Amino acid sequence: MGFYFLQSPPKMATINLNYVLLNNDNKTYSEDEIFTIEISKDKKYELVKDMIKNCLALFFNSVLSTKICLSLFLGGHVIKPMCRISEDFPNSLSDGVHIYILSSPKK
């Protein structure tokens, strides 16, 4: 009689990302407009956009989640929605990672 050990597949690490809602100038923000989302690093940014739309329903009520723009840097390029989070953050990071939400969505 042998013993069999079942192993579950390894879990992808999660990451806490701080999302910053930029003011209308897309350059400044208030400390009150930062919130954190914990998400698996193997997820795509498109899922994050849906989560942001739910968190900020009043602000993005009439905006499709596909029109929400995210950026890794102030004034930086817009993150592609089908990109996996692990592509930008392959290593474990501590808190303090910010993703910027442009307040003027794409038209």
N, C-alpha and C. Protein backbone atom coordinates (compact mmCIF):
# COMPACT_ATOMS: atom_id res chain seq x y z
N MET A 1 0.85 -1.17 0.00
CA MET A 1 0.00 0.00 0.00
C MET A 1 0.90 1.24 0.00
N GLY A 2 0.75 2.05 -1.02
CA GLY A 2 1.57 3.25 -1.13
C GLY A 2 0.84 4.48 -0.65
N PHE A 3 1.62 5.49 -0.38
CA PHE A 3 1.05 6.77 0.02
C PHE A 3 1.11 7.72 -1.16
N TYR A 4 0.05 8.44 -1.34
CA TYR A 4 -0.01 9.43 -2.40
C TYR A 4 -0.23 10.80 -1.78
N PHE A 5 0.56 11.74 -2.21
CA PHE A 5 0.41 13.10 -1.73
C PHE A 5 -0.10 13.96 -2.86
N LEU A 6 -1.17 14.62 -2.58
CA LEU A 6 -1.73 15.54 -3.57
C LEU A 6 -1.16 16.92 -3.31
N GLN A 7 -0.64 17.49 -4.35
CA GLN A 7 -0.13 18.85 -4.23
C GLN A 7 -1.03 19.78 -5.01
N SER A 8 -1.35 20.87 -4.39
CA SER A 8 -2.12 21.87 -5.11
C SER A 8 -1.14 22.69 -5.95
N PRO A 9 -1.63 23.21 -7.06
CA PRO A 9 -0.74 24.01 -7.89
C PRO A 9 -0.28 25.24 -7.12
N PRO A 10 0.93 25.71 -7.40
CA PRO A 10 1.41 26.89 -6.67
C PRO A 10 0.54 28.10 -6.96
N LYS A 11 0.30 28.88 -5.91
CA LYS A 11 -0.51 30.08 -6.07
C LYS A 11 0.37 31.22 -6.56
N MET A 12 -0.19 32.02 -7.43
CA MET A 12 0.53 33.21 -7.89
C MET A 12 0.50 34.22 -6.75
N ALA A 13 1.57 34.87 -6.55
CA ALA A 13 1.68 35.87 -5.49
C ALA A 13 0.69 37.01 -5.72
N THR A 14 0.21 37.57 -4.64
CA THR A 14 -0.65 38.75 -4.75
C THR A 14 0.20 39.99 -4.49
N ILE A 15 -0.32 41.09 -4.92
CA ILE A 15 0.36 42.36 -4.76
C ILE A 15 -0.68 43.40 -4.35
N ASN A 16 -0.27 44.31 -3.49
CA ASN A 16 -1.13 45.44 -3.11
C ASN A 16 -0.70 46.63 -3.96
N LEU A 17 -1.61 47.10 -4.77
CA LEU A 17 -1.33 48.26 -5.62
C LEU A 17 -2.15 49.43 -5.13
N ASN A 18 -1.51 50.56 -4.94
CA ASN A 18 -2.18 51.79 -4.53
C ASN A 18 -2.61 52.53 -5.79
N TYR A 19 -3.88 52.76 -5.90
CA TYR A 19 -4.42 53.47 -7.06
C TYR A 19 -4.68 54.91 -6.68
N VAL A 20 -4.19 55.82 -7.51
CA VAL A 20 -4.26 57.25 -7.26
C VAL A 20 -5.13 57.89 -8.32
N LEU A 21 -6.23 58.49 -7.90
CA LEU A 21 -7.11 59.20 -8.83
C LEU A 21 -6.58 60.61 -9.01
N LEU A 22 -6.13 60.90 -10.21
CA LEU A 22 -5.57 62.22 -10.51
C LEU A 22 -6.66 63.26 -10.67
N ASN A 23 -6.33 64.51 -10.36
CA ASN A 23 -7.25 65.62 -10.57
C ASN A 23 -7.40 65.89 -12.07
N ASN A 24 -8.23 66.84 -12.41
CA ASN A 24 -8.53 67.13 -13.81
C ASN A 24 -7.30 67.46 -14.65
N ASP A 25 -6.24 67.98 -14.00
CA ASP A 25 -5.03 68.31 -14.75
C ASP A 25 -4.17 67.07 -15.04
N ASN A 26 -4.56 65.92 -14.48
CA ASN A 26 -3.84 64.65 -14.61
C ASN A 26 -2.39 64.74 -14.14
N LYS A 27 -2.12 65.68 -13.20
CA LYS A 27 -0.77 65.85 -12.65
C LYS A 27 -0.76 65.85 -11.13
N THR A 28 -1.86 66.24 -10.51
CA THR A 28 -1.92 66.36 -9.06
C THR A 28 -3.01 65.46 -8.51
N TYR A 29 -2.93 65.22 -7.20
CA TYR A 29 -3.95 64.39 -6.55
C TYR A 29 -4.03 64.74 -5.07
N SER A 30 -5.09 64.30 -4.46
CA SER A 30 -5.30 64.49 -3.03
C SER A 30 -5.02 63.16 -2.34
N GLU A 31 -4.47 63.22 -1.13
CA GLU A 31 -4.20 61.99 -0.37
C GLU A 31 -5.48 61.20 -0.10
N ASP A 32 -6.63 61.88 -0.15
CA ASP A 32 -7.91 61.22 0.08
C ASP A 32 -8.35 60.39 -1.12
N GLU A 33 -7.68 60.55 -2.23
CA GLU A 33 -8.09 59.86 -3.46
C GLU A 33 -7.13 58.74 -3.83
N ILE A 34 -6.62 58.06 -2.79
CA ILE A 34 -5.76 56.89 -2.99
C ILE A 34 -6.44 55.71 -2.30
N PHE A 35 -6.51 54.59 -2.99
CA PHE A 35 -7.08 53.38 -2.41
C PHE A 35 -6.26 52.19 -2.88
N THR A 36 -6.33 51.11 -2.14
CA THR A 36 -5.51 49.93 -2.42
C THR A 36 -6.37 48.78 -2.88
N ILE A 37 -5.87 48.07 -3.88
CA ILE A 37 -6.51 46.84 -4.36
C ILE A 37 -5.48 45.72 -4.25
N GLU A 38 -5.87 44.64 -3.60
CA GLU A 38 -5.01 43.45 -3.54
C GLU A 38 -5.46 42.53 -4.66
N ILE A 39 -4.51 42.11 -5.48
CA ILE A 39 -4.86 41.31 -6.65
C ILE A 39 -3.72 40.36 -6.97
N SER A 40 -4.07 39.24 -7.55
CA SER A 40 -3.07 38.27 -7.99
C SER A 40 -2.28 38.85 -9.14
N LYS A 41 -0.97 38.62 -9.12
CA LYS A 41 -0.10 39.20 -10.15
C LYS A 41 -0.31 38.56 -11.52
N ASP A 42 -1.01 37.43 -11.58
CA ASP A 42 -1.25 36.81 -12.90
C ASP A 42 -2.50 37.37 -13.59
N LYS A 43 -3.20 38.29 -12.94
CA LYS A 43 -4.39 38.91 -13.53
C LYS A 43 -3.98 40.02 -14.49
N LYS A 44 -4.91 40.37 -15.36
CA LYS A 44 -4.66 41.44 -16.33
C LYS A 44 -5.23 42.75 -15.81
N TYR A 45 -4.69 43.85 -16.33
CA TYR A 45 -5.15 45.17 -15.91
C TYR A 45 -6.62 45.41 -16.27
N GLU A 46 -7.14 44.70 -17.25
CA GLU A 46 -8.55 44.87 -17.63
C GLU A 46 -9.45 44.54 -16.44
N LEU A 47 -9.10 43.52 -15.66
CA LEU A 47 -9.85 43.17 -14.46
C LEU A 47 -9.76 44.29 -13.42
N VAL A 48 -8.59 44.90 -13.31
CA VAL A 48 -8.40 46.00 -12.38
C VAL A 48 -9.31 47.17 -12.74
N LYS A 49 -9.45 47.44 -14.03
CA LYS A 49 -10.32 48.54 -14.47
C LYS A 49 -11.76 48.32 -14.00
N ASP A 50 -12.24 47.07 -14.06
CA ASP A 50 -13.59 46.77 -13.57
C ASP A 50 -13.68 47.02 -12.06
N MET A 51 -12.63 46.63 -11.33
CA MET A 51 -12.61 46.83 -9.89
C MET A 51 -12.59 48.33 -9.55
N ILE A 52 -11.83 49.09 -10.32
CA ILE A 52 -11.78 50.54 -10.11
C ILE A 52 -13.14 51.16 -10.37
N LYS A 53 -13.79 50.74 -11.44
CA LYS A 53 -15.11 51.27 -11.77
C LYS A 53 -16.08 51.00 -10.62
N ASN A 54 -16.01 49.82 -10.00
CA ASN A 54 -16.88 49.51 -8.86
C ASN A 54 -16.54 50.36 -7.65
N CYS A 55 -15.25 50.55 -7.38
CA CYS A 55 -14.82 51.35 -6.22
C CYS A 55 -15.17 52.81 -6.38
N LEU A 56 -15.09 53.31 -7.59
CA LEU A 56 -15.32 54.73 -7.87
C LEU A 56 -16.57 54.92 -8.72
N ALA A 57 -17.62 54.22 -8.36
CA ALA A 57 -18.84 54.22 -9.16
C ALA A 57 -19.39 55.62 -9.42
N LEU A 58 -19.34 56.48 -8.43
CA LEU A 58 -19.88 57.83 -8.62
C LEU A 58 -19.09 58.60 -9.68
N PHE A 59 -17.77 58.45 -9.66
CA PHE A 59 -16.94 59.19 -10.59
C PHE A 59 -17.02 58.61 -12.00
N PHE A 60 -17.03 57.28 -12.11
CA PHE A 60 -17.00 56.62 -13.41
C PHE A 60 -18.35 56.03 -13.80
N ASN A 61 -19.43 56.54 -13.23
CA ASN A 61 -20.76 55.99 -13.49
C ASN A 61 -21.09 55.92 -14.97
N SER A 62 -20.80 56.94 -15.72
CA SER A 62 -21.18 56.97 -17.13
C SER A 62 -20.02 56.62 -18.06
N VAL A 63 -18.95 56.05 -17.49
CA VAL A 63 -17.76 55.71 -18.28
C VAL A 63 -17.61 54.19 -18.32
N LEU A 64 -17.40 53.66 -19.50
CA LEU A 64 -17.12 52.23 -19.63
C LEU A 64 -15.76 51.93 -19.02
N SER A 65 -15.61 50.75 -18.42
CA SER A 65 -14.32 50.41 -17.81
C SER A 65 -13.21 50.37 -18.86
N THR A 66 -13.55 50.10 -20.10
CA THR A 66 -12.54 50.07 -21.16
C THR A 66 -11.99 51.46 -21.47
N LYS A 67 -12.66 52.50 -21.00
CA LYS A 67 -12.23 53.88 -21.25
C LYS A 67 -11.40 54.45 -20.09
N ILE A 68 -11.25 53.69 -19.01
CA ILE A 68 -10.44 54.13 -17.88
C ILE A 68 -8.97 53.95 -18.25
N CYS A 69 -8.17 55.00 -18.04
CA CYS A 69 -6.75 54.96 -18.39
C CYS A 69 -5.91 54.84 -17.12
N LEU A 70 -4.96 53.90 -17.13
CA LEU A 70 -4.05 53.70 -16.02
C LEU A 70 -2.63 53.96 -16.49
N SER A 71 -1.80 54.47 -15.59
CA SER A 71 -0.40 54.76 -15.92
C SER A 71 0.48 54.39 -14.74
N LEU A 72 1.68 53.88 -15.02
CA LEU A 72 2.63 53.55 -13.95
C LEU A 72 3.35 54.78 -13.42
N PHE A 73 3.42 55.82 -14.22
CA PHE A 73 4.15 57.03 -13.83
C PHE A 73 3.30 58.24 -14.16
N LEU A 74 3.45 59.29 -13.37
CA LEU A 74 2.78 60.55 -13.70
C LEU A 74 3.27 60.99 -15.06
N GLY A 75 2.36 61.21 -15.97
CA GLY A 75 2.74 61.63 -17.32
C GLY A 75 3.31 60.50 -18.16
N GLY A 76 3.25 59.28 -17.64
CA GLY A 76 3.80 58.13 -18.36
C GLY A 76 2.82 57.55 -19.36
N HIS A 77 3.26 56.48 -20.01
CA HIS A 77 2.42 55.83 -21.01
C HIS A 77 1.23 55.14 -20.33
N VAL A 78 0.19 54.94 -21.08
CA VAL A 78 -1.01 54.27 -20.58
C VAL A 78 -0.76 52.76 -20.61
N ILE A 79 -1.14 52.10 -19.52
CA ILE A 79 -0.95 50.65 -19.41
C ILE A 79 -1.92 49.95 -20.35
N LYS A 80 -1.43 48.96 -21.05
CA LYS A 80 -2.29 48.18 -21.95
C LYS A 80 -3.15 47.24 -21.12
N PRO A 81 -4.46 47.20 -21.40
CA PRO A 81 -5.38 46.43 -20.55
C PRO A 81 -5.15 44.92 -20.55
N MET A 82 -4.61 44.36 -21.62
CA MET A 82 -4.42 42.91 -21.68
C MET A 82 -3.06 42.48 -21.15
N CYS A 83 -2.29 43.41 -20.63
CA CYS A 83 -0.99 43.13 -20.03
C CYS A 83 -1.21 42.55 -18.63
N ARG A 84 -0.47 41.51 -18.30
CA ARG A 84 -0.56 40.94 -16.95
C ARG A 84 0.22 41.82 -15.97
N ILE A 85 -0.28 41.91 -14.76
CA ILE A 85 0.36 42.71 -13.73
C ILE A 85 1.79 42.21 -13.49
N SER A 86 1.99 40.91 -13.58
CA SER A 86 3.32 40.34 -13.34
C SER A 86 4.35 40.83 -14.36
N GLU A 87 3.91 41.30 -15.52
CA GLU A 87 4.86 41.83 -16.50
C GLU A 87 5.50 43.12 -16.01
N ASP A 88 4.76 43.92 -15.24
CA ASP A 88 5.30 45.16 -14.70
C ASP A 88 5.94 44.96 -13.33
N PHE A 89 5.47 43.94 -12.60
CA PHE A 89 5.97 43.69 -11.25
C PHE A 89 6.33 42.21 -11.09
N PRO A 90 7.44 41.76 -11.71
CA PRO A 90 7.79 40.35 -11.66
C PRO A 90 8.26 39.89 -10.28
N ASN A 91 8.80 40.78 -9.49
CA ASN A 91 9.30 40.43 -8.16
C ASN A 91 8.34 40.89 -7.09
N SER A 92 8.47 40.29 -5.93
CA SER A 92 7.64 40.72 -4.80
C SER A 92 8.04 42.13 -4.40
N LEU A 93 7.06 42.93 -4.15
CA LEU A 93 7.31 44.31 -3.75
C LEU A 93 6.60 44.60 -2.45
N SER A 94 7.13 45.53 -1.73
CA SER A 94 6.43 45.99 -0.53
C SER A 94 5.38 47.02 -0.95
N ASP A 95 4.64 47.49 0.01
CA ASP A 95 3.64 48.51 -0.29
C ASP A 95 4.34 49.75 -0.85
N GLY A 96 3.60 50.59 -1.48
CA GLY A 96 4.17 51.81 -2.00
C GLY A 96 4.16 51.88 -3.51
N VAL A 97 3.64 50.84 -4.16
CA VAL A 97 3.53 50.86 -5.62
C VAL A 97 2.27 51.63 -5.98
N HIS A 98 2.42 52.63 -6.82
CA HIS A 98 1.27 53.46 -7.21
C HIS A 98 0.96 53.28 -8.69
N ILE A 99 -0.31 53.18 -8.98
CA ILE A 99 -0.83 53.20 -10.34
C ILE A 99 -1.71 54.43 -10.42
N TYR A 100 -1.54 55.22 -11.45
CA TYR A 100 -2.29 56.47 -11.58
C TYR A 100 -3.49 56.29 -12.49
N ILE A 101 -4.63 56.80 -12.04
CA ILE A 101 -5.87 56.75 -12.80
C ILE A 101 -6.10 58.14 -13.39
N LEU A 102 -6.09 58.22 -14.67
CA LEU A 102 -6.31 59.51 -15.32
C LEU A 102 -7.76 59.91 -15.12
N SER A 103 -7.98 61.13 -14.67
CA SER A 103 -9.35 61.56 -14.37
C SER A 103 -10.13 61.91 -15.62
N SER A 104 -9.43 62.13 -16.72
CA SER A 104 -10.11 62.39 -17.98
C SER A 104 -10.04 61.13 -18.83
N PRO A 105 -11.09 60.30 -18.77
CA PRO A 105 -11.08 59.04 -19.51
C PRO A 105 -10.97 59.25 -21.01
N LYS A 106 -10.57 58.18 -21.70
CA LYS A 106 -10.51 58.22 -23.16
C LYS A 106 -11.91 58.44 -23.70
N LYS A 107 -12.00 59.13 -24.80
CA LYS A 107 -13.31 59.38 -25.42
C LYS A 107 -13.52 58.44 -26.57
